N, C-alpha and C. Protein backbone atom coordinates (compact mmCIF):
# COMPACT_ATOMS: atom_id res chain seq x y z
N MET A 1 8.47 19.45 -13.02
CA MET A 1 9.06 18.06 -12.54
C MET A 1 8.68 16.92 -12.99
N TYR A 2 9.56 15.96 -13.00
CA TYR A 2 8.84 14.81 -13.43
C TYR A 2 9.13 13.66 -12.12
N THR A 3 8.55 12.96 -12.38
CA THR A 3 8.27 11.46 -11.50
C THR A 3 8.36 10.13 -11.98
N VAL A 4 9.05 9.42 -11.30
CA VAL A 4 8.75 7.77 -11.50
C VAL A 4 8.79 6.84 -10.47
N SER A 5 7.71 6.09 -10.52
CA SER A 5 7.46 5.40 -8.93
C SER A 5 7.36 3.80 -9.63
N VAL A 6 7.47 3.34 -8.78
CA VAL A 6 7.67 1.85 -8.66
C VAL A 6 6.72 1.32 -7.42
N THR A 7 6.36 0.07 -7.72
CA THR A 7 5.20 -0.15 -6.20
C THR A 7 5.49 -1.72 -6.20
N ARG A 8 5.77 -2.18 -5.22
CA ARG A 8 5.79 -3.78 -4.66
C ARG A 8 4.89 -3.71 -3.53
N ARG A 9 4.60 -4.90 -3.41
CA ARG A 9 3.70 -5.85 -1.81
C ARG A 9 4.62 -6.85 -1.86
N PHE A 10 4.06 -6.91 -0.24
CA PHE A 10 4.70 -7.64 0.64
C PHE A 10 4.13 -7.45 2.06
N VAL A 11 4.73 -9.16 2.95
CA VAL A 11 4.36 -9.13 4.16
C VAL A 11 5.14 -8.90 5.22
N ALA A 12 5.01 -8.08 6.20
CA ALA A 12 5.99 -8.15 7.45
C ALA A 12 5.20 -8.21 8.69
N GLN A 13 5.95 -8.64 9.77
CA GLN A 13 5.35 -8.78 10.82
C GLN A 13 6.05 -7.74 11.75
N HIS A 14 5.27 -7.20 12.89
CA HIS A 14 5.92 -6.69 14.16
C HIS A 14 4.99 -6.50 15.18
N TYR A 15 5.47 -6.18 16.13
CA TYR A 15 4.48 -5.67 17.52
C TYR A 15 4.96 -4.50 17.94
N LEU A 16 4.30 -3.29 18.23
CA LEU A 16 4.24 -1.82 18.83
C LEU A 16 4.89 -2.07 20.09
N THR A 17 5.85 -1.34 20.40
CA THR A 17 6.45 -1.19 21.89
C THR A 17 6.02 0.24 22.44
N VAL A 18 5.38 0.77 22.27
CA VAL A 18 4.78 1.95 22.91
C VAL A 18 3.57 1.72 24.14
N PRO A 19 3.85 2.46 25.24
CA PRO A 19 3.12 2.23 26.29
C PRO A 19 1.61 2.18 25.84
N ASN A 20 1.13 1.15 26.60
CA ASN A 20 -0.63 0.59 26.21
C ASN A 20 -0.67 0.70 24.38
N PRO A 21 -0.01 -0.34 24.25
CA PRO A 21 -0.31 -0.27 22.58
C PRO A 21 -1.65 -1.26 22.41
N GLY A 22 -2.33 -1.82 23.40
CA GLY A 22 -3.61 -2.25 22.43
C GLY A 22 -3.24 -3.69 22.07
N PRO A 23 -4.18 -4.17 21.14
CA PRO A 23 -4.02 -5.37 20.48
C PRO A 23 -2.42 -5.17 19.42
N GLU A 24 -1.71 -4.09 19.03
CA GLU A 24 -1.12 -3.97 18.15
C GLU A 24 0.54 -4.23 18.98
N GLY A 25 0.27 -4.77 20.42
CA GLY A 25 1.59 -5.13 20.85
C GLY A 25 2.08 -6.46 20.98
N GLU A 26 1.00 -7.44 20.26
CA GLU A 26 1.05 -8.39 20.17
C GLU A 26 1.58 -8.54 18.67
N LEU A 27 2.41 -9.60 18.40
CA LEU A 27 2.78 -9.82 17.06
C LEU A 27 1.84 -10.14 16.26
N HIS A 28 2.03 -9.44 15.03
CA HIS A 28 0.90 -9.69 14.03
C HIS A 28 1.72 -9.23 12.82
N SER A 29 0.67 -9.47 11.51
CA SER A 29 1.22 -9.09 10.42
C SER A 29 0.75 -8.34 9.34
N HIS A 30 1.17 -7.29 8.48
CA HIS A 30 0.57 -6.67 7.79
C HIS A 30 0.85 -6.91 6.46
N GLN A 31 0.19 -6.55 5.30
CA GLN A 31 0.15 -6.38 3.97
C GLN A 31 0.66 -5.17 3.72
N PHE A 32 2.07 -5.00 3.20
CA PHE A 32 2.38 -3.68 3.18
C PHE A 32 2.39 -3.49 1.31
N THR A 33 2.36 -2.05 1.07
CA THR A 33 2.68 -1.64 -0.20
C THR A 33 3.34 -0.82 -0.19
N ALA A 34 4.72 -0.84 -0.82
CA ALA A 34 5.54 0.20 -0.77
C ALA A 34 5.99 0.68 -2.29
N GLU A 35 5.47 2.50 -2.24
CA GLU A 35 5.18 2.77 -3.72
C GLU A 35 6.64 3.77 -3.20
N VAL A 36 7.69 3.74 -4.35
CA VAL A 36 8.92 4.31 -4.26
C VAL A 36 8.77 5.44 -5.36
N THR A 37 8.75 6.92 -4.92
CA THR A 37 8.85 7.93 -6.00
C THR A 37 10.00 8.72 -6.08
N PHE A 38 10.51 8.77 -7.31
CA PHE A 38 11.69 9.89 -7.65
C PHE A 38 10.96 10.88 -8.53
N ARG A 39 11.46 11.93 -7.74
CA ARG A 39 11.26 13.28 -8.42
C ARG A 39 12.72 14.52 -8.82
N GLY A 40 12.28 15.26 -9.54
CA GLY A 40 13.42 16.03 -10.44
C GLY A 40 12.95 16.91 -11.57
N PRO A 41 13.74 18.03 -11.60
CA PRO A 41 13.08 18.93 -12.48
C PRO A 41 14.00 18.51 -13.80
N GLU A 42 14.94 17.96 -13.98
CA GLU A 42 15.57 17.80 -15.37
C GLU A 42 15.90 16.22 -15.49
N LEU A 43 16.13 15.76 -16.49
CA LEU A 43 16.15 14.69 -17.47
C LEU A 43 17.40 14.16 -17.46
N GLY A 44 18.06 13.10 -17.57
CA GLY A 44 19.32 12.86 -17.82
C GLY A 44 19.74 12.81 -19.25
N GLU A 45 21.29 12.41 -19.72
CA GLU A 45 21.42 12.54 -20.92
C GLU A 45 20.62 11.33 -21.75
N TYR A 46 20.16 10.62 -21.43
CA TYR A 46 19.25 9.70 -22.64
C TYR A 46 17.95 9.96 -22.06
N GLY A 47 17.23 11.08 -21.56
CA GLY A 47 15.98 11.06 -21.36
C GLY A 47 15.03 10.65 -20.36
N TYR A 48 15.89 9.99 -19.45
CA TYR A 48 15.36 9.48 -18.07
C TYR A 48 15.69 10.34 -16.91
N LEU A 49 14.47 10.20 -16.04
CA LEU A 49 14.92 10.75 -14.80
C LEU A 49 15.72 9.97 -13.63
N VAL A 50 15.15 8.65 -14.12
CA VAL A 50 16.01 7.42 -13.43
C VAL A 50 15.85 6.07 -14.33
N ASP A 51 16.57 5.19 -13.75
CA ASP A 51 17.21 3.75 -14.68
C ASP A 51 15.64 3.20 -14.14
N ILE A 52 14.39 2.76 -14.82
CA ILE A 52 13.89 2.08 -14.39
C ILE A 52 14.06 0.75 -13.78
N ASP A 53 14.79 0.00 -14.48
CA ASP A 53 15.06 -1.13 -14.43
C ASP A 53 15.76 -1.55 -13.23
N ALA A 54 16.98 -0.28 -13.06
CA ALA A 54 17.47 -0.44 -11.55
C ALA A 54 16.98 -0.22 -10.40
N VAL A 55 15.75 0.85 -10.19
CA VAL A 55 15.03 1.06 -9.75
C VAL A 55 14.50 -0.33 -9.13
N ILE A 56 13.61 -0.86 -10.01
CA ILE A 56 12.97 -2.02 -9.92
C ILE A 56 14.00 -3.11 -9.32
N GLU A 57 15.25 -3.30 -9.70
CA GLU A 57 16.07 -4.47 -9.14
C GLU A 57 16.14 -3.94 -7.59
N ALA A 58 16.58 -2.77 -7.39
CA ALA A 58 16.98 -2.23 -6.24
C ALA A 58 15.76 -2.23 -4.97
N VAL A 59 14.86 -1.62 -5.39
CA VAL A 59 13.37 -1.90 -4.82
C VAL A 59 13.25 -3.56 -4.45
N GLU A 60 13.38 -4.44 -5.31
CA GLU A 60 12.92 -5.77 -4.93
C GLU A 60 14.07 -6.46 -4.03
N ALA A 61 15.17 -6.26 -3.88
CA ALA A 61 16.00 -6.56 -3.01
C ALA A 61 15.94 -5.69 -1.40
N VAL A 62 15.39 -4.86 -1.62
CA VAL A 62 14.96 -3.74 -0.52
C VAL A 62 13.66 -4.66 -0.06
N VAL A 63 12.96 -5.02 -0.61
CA VAL A 63 11.90 -5.60 -0.47
C VAL A 63 11.79 -7.06 0.62
N GLU A 64 12.69 -7.81 -0.36
CA GLU A 64 13.47 -9.15 -0.01
C GLU A 64 13.76 -9.01 1.45
N THR A 65 14.27 -7.93 1.92
CA THR A 65 14.96 -8.07 3.45
C THR A 65 14.33 -7.92 4.39
N PHE A 66 12.76 -7.50 3.86
CA PHE A 66 11.82 -7.29 5.26
C PHE A 66 10.73 -8.29 4.96
N ARG A 67 10.35 -9.11 3.69
CA ARG A 67 9.45 -9.95 3.43
C ARG A 67 9.50 -11.05 4.39
N ASP A 68 8.34 -11.14 5.02
CA ASP A 68 8.06 -12.44 6.06
C ASP A 68 9.41 -11.90 7.36
N ALA A 69 9.94 -11.03 7.57
CA ALA A 69 10.71 -10.34 8.87
C ALA A 69 9.85 -10.15 9.66
N THR A 70 10.09 -10.14 10.96
CA THR A 70 9.49 -9.33 12.46
C THR A 70 10.84 -8.36 12.66
N LEU A 71 10.04 -6.99 12.21
CA LEU A 71 10.89 -5.79 12.41
C LEU A 71 11.41 -5.71 13.37
N ASN A 72 10.77 -5.74 14.38
CA ASN A 72 11.27 -5.65 15.82
C ASN A 72 12.57 -6.24 15.80
N GLU A 73 13.11 -7.66 14.93
CA GLU A 73 14.22 -8.59 15.05
C GLU A 73 15.18 -7.81 14.25
N LEU A 74 15.07 -6.75 13.49
CA LEU A 74 16.31 -6.44 12.72
C LEU A 74 16.65 -5.18 13.22
N PRO A 75 18.26 -5.42 12.97
CA PRO A 75 19.06 -4.24 13.56
C PRO A 75 18.84 -2.75 13.13
N ALA A 76 17.87 -2.91 12.03
CA ALA A 76 17.55 -1.04 11.43
C ALA A 76 16.69 -0.66 12.78
N PHE A 77 15.88 -1.81 13.55
CA PHE A 77 14.84 -1.03 14.19
C PHE A 77 15.09 -1.04 15.69
N GLU A 78 16.66 -1.36 15.95
CA GLU A 78 16.91 -1.72 17.48
C GLU A 78 16.82 -0.47 17.83
N GLY A 79 16.17 -0.31 19.17
CA GLY A 79 15.79 0.65 20.33
C GLY A 79 14.73 1.46 19.55
N ARG A 80 14.22 1.06 18.72
CA ARG A 80 12.82 2.01 18.24
C ARG A 80 11.66 1.21 17.88
N ASN A 81 10.52 1.68 18.38
CA ASN A 81 9.24 1.47 17.94
C ASN A 81 8.91 1.16 16.47
N PRO A 82 8.51 -0.23 15.94
CA PRO A 82 8.64 -0.44 14.46
C PRO A 82 7.72 0.08 14.02
N SER A 83 7.41 1.55 13.83
CA SER A 83 6.07 1.70 13.35
C SER A 83 6.18 2.14 11.93
N ALA A 84 5.15 2.39 11.04
CA ALA A 84 5.35 2.34 9.79
C ALA A 84 6.02 3.85 9.38
N GLU A 85 5.58 4.56 10.12
CA GLU A 85 6.98 5.95 9.72
C GLU A 85 8.54 5.37 9.67
N HIS A 86 8.64 5.16 10.79
CA HIS A 86 10.11 4.44 10.94
C HIS A 86 10.35 3.47 9.72
N PHE A 87 9.66 2.71 9.48
CA PHE A 87 9.62 1.80 8.46
C PHE A 87 9.90 2.38 6.73
N ALA A 88 9.16 3.39 6.74
CA ALA A 88 9.22 4.30 5.43
C ALA A 88 10.77 4.66 5.56
N ARG A 89 11.08 5.32 6.49
CA ARG A 89 12.44 5.88 6.41
C ARG A 89 13.69 5.09 6.35
N ILE A 90 13.59 3.74 6.84
CA ILE A 90 14.69 2.76 6.57
C ILE A 90 14.62 2.37 5.57
N PHE A 91 13.10 2.06 5.04
CA PHE A 91 13.00 1.37 3.61
C PHE A 91 13.92 2.40 2.40
N GLY A 92 13.32 3.49 2.65
CA GLY A 92 14.23 4.70 2.10
C GLY A 92 15.61 5.08 1.95
N ASN A 93 16.61 4.72 3.36
CA ASN A 93 17.71 4.49 3.24
C ASN A 93 18.32 3.34 2.83
N ARG A 94 17.40 2.39 3.02
CA ARG A 94 18.23 1.20 2.16
C ARG A 94 18.18 1.17 0.65
N LEU A 95 17.35 1.82 0.21
CA LEU A 95 17.10 2.13 -1.21
C LEU A 95 18.22 2.92 -1.78
N THR A 96 18.41 4.02 -1.07
CA THR A 96 19.50 5.05 -1.51
C THR A 96 20.92 4.24 -1.21
N ASP A 97 20.93 3.44 -0.48
CA ASP A 97 22.40 2.45 -0.21
C ASP A 97 22.47 1.71 -1.62
N ARG A 98 21.74 1.28 -2.30
CA ARG A 98 21.76 0.32 -3.37
C ARG A 98 21.82 1.07 -4.50
N LEU A 99 21.63 2.09 -5.01
CA LEU A 99 21.46 3.16 -6.09
C LEU A 99 21.73 4.57 -6.18
N THR A 100 22.13 5.02 -7.15
CA THR A 100 22.51 6.31 -7.12
C THR A 100 21.27 6.67 -8.41
N PRO A 101 20.03 7.67 -7.86
CA PRO A 101 19.24 7.57 -8.71
C PRO A 101 19.46 9.18 -9.53
N GLU A 102 20.47 9.51 -10.04
CA GLU A 102 20.79 10.73 -10.79
C GLU A 102 20.06 10.67 -12.18
N PRO A 103 19.54 12.01 -12.65
CA PRO A 103 19.52 13.26 -11.69
C PRO A 103 18.19 13.60 -10.54
N ALA A 104 17.69 12.57 -10.38
CA ALA A 104 16.52 12.37 -9.50
C ALA A 104 17.20 13.27 -8.31
N THR A 105 16.32 14.24 -7.76
CA THR A 105 16.52 15.19 -6.33
C THR A 105 15.99 14.78 -5.12
N GLU A 106 14.82 13.85 -5.36
CA GLU A 106 14.10 13.73 -4.06
C GLU A 106 13.50 12.57 -4.16
N LEU A 107 13.39 12.10 -3.19
CA LEU A 107 12.64 10.29 -2.88
C LEU A 107 11.71 10.46 -1.99
N THR A 108 10.28 9.75 -2.39
CA THR A 108 9.36 9.66 -1.21
C THR A 108 8.97 7.92 -1.35
N VAL A 109 9.28 7.54 0.04
CA VAL A 109 8.51 5.82 0.08
C VAL A 109 7.41 6.12 0.90
N ALA A 110 6.37 5.68 0.36
CA ALA A 110 4.92 5.73 0.97
C ALA A 110 4.80 4.11 1.20
N LEU A 111 4.53 3.97 2.47
CA LEU A 111 3.83 2.53 2.62
C LEU A 111 2.44 2.60 2.86
N GLN A 112 1.95 1.72 2.57
CA GLN A 112 0.59 1.39 2.70
C GLN A 112 0.46 0.12 3.72
N GLU A 113 -0.32 0.34 4.65
CA GLU A 113 -0.67 -0.87 5.74
C GLU A 113 -1.81 -1.45 5.18
N ASP A 114 -1.92 -2.39 5.36
CA ASP A 114 -3.26 -3.35 4.78
C ASP A 114 -4.32 -2.63 4.36
N ASP A 115 -4.30 -1.65 3.29
CA ASP A 115 -5.17 -1.16 2.50
C ASP A 115 -6.02 0.29 3.72
N VAL A 116 -5.63 0.34 4.58
CA VAL A 116 -5.76 0.95 5.97
C VAL A 116 -5.63 2.66 5.97
N ALA A 117 -3.95 2.65 5.89
CA ALA A 117 -3.43 3.79 5.88
C ALA A 117 -1.95 3.65 5.47
N THR A 118 -1.65 5.04 4.96
CA THR A 118 -0.27 5.23 4.04
C THR A 118 0.25 6.17 4.99
N VAL A 119 1.58 5.76 5.26
CA VAL A 119 2.43 6.79 5.53
C VAL A 119 3.65 7.16 4.46
N SER A 120 4.41 7.99 4.69
CA SER A 120 5.32 8.42 3.64
C SER A 120 6.27 9.14 4.38
N TYR A 121 7.58 9.18 3.56
CA TYR A 121 9.01 9.60 4.05
C TYR A 121 9.32 10.40 2.65
N THR A 122 10.24 11.58 2.95
CA THR A 122 10.71 12.09 1.84
C THR A 122 12.17 12.86 2.09
N GLU A 123 13.04 12.37 1.42
CA GLU A 123 14.15 12.71 1.54
C GLU A 123 14.91 13.57 0.29
N SER A 124 15.67 14.65 0.60
CA SER A 124 16.43 15.23 -0.56
C SER A 124 17.42 14.54 -1.14
N LEU A 125 17.68 14.05 -2.34
CA LEU A 125 18.81 13.61 -2.88
C LEU A 125 19.87 14.46 -3.17
N ALA A 126 19.74 15.45 -3.08
CA ALA A 126 20.88 16.77 -3.59
C ALA A 126 21.97 16.73 -3.01
């Protein structure tokens, strides 16, 4: 299995909307590190799993949609608690909307929040 990963850091804000969120219910910022990893068993015609330049461009474009934003105010989070888990899935969906990473067959988005915790979301691309 081949893998290619790209990592970017950015700051975004949110507040949790669950019952009794404690201090997390107040607007606050996090330093996020997004690591996107494409996996697949085969390489393409030119010996690549994905075009790294295209992945970098797509990741940077997705990061810019979240950089310095309040997640609660974005349509993708409407009606959802803006948890890191939801964020990882939404990030991955936005990424695959921007590129077709053939011949990769799987994408994992890992979001690290303030060097404290990491959540991830994996989806099949096949």
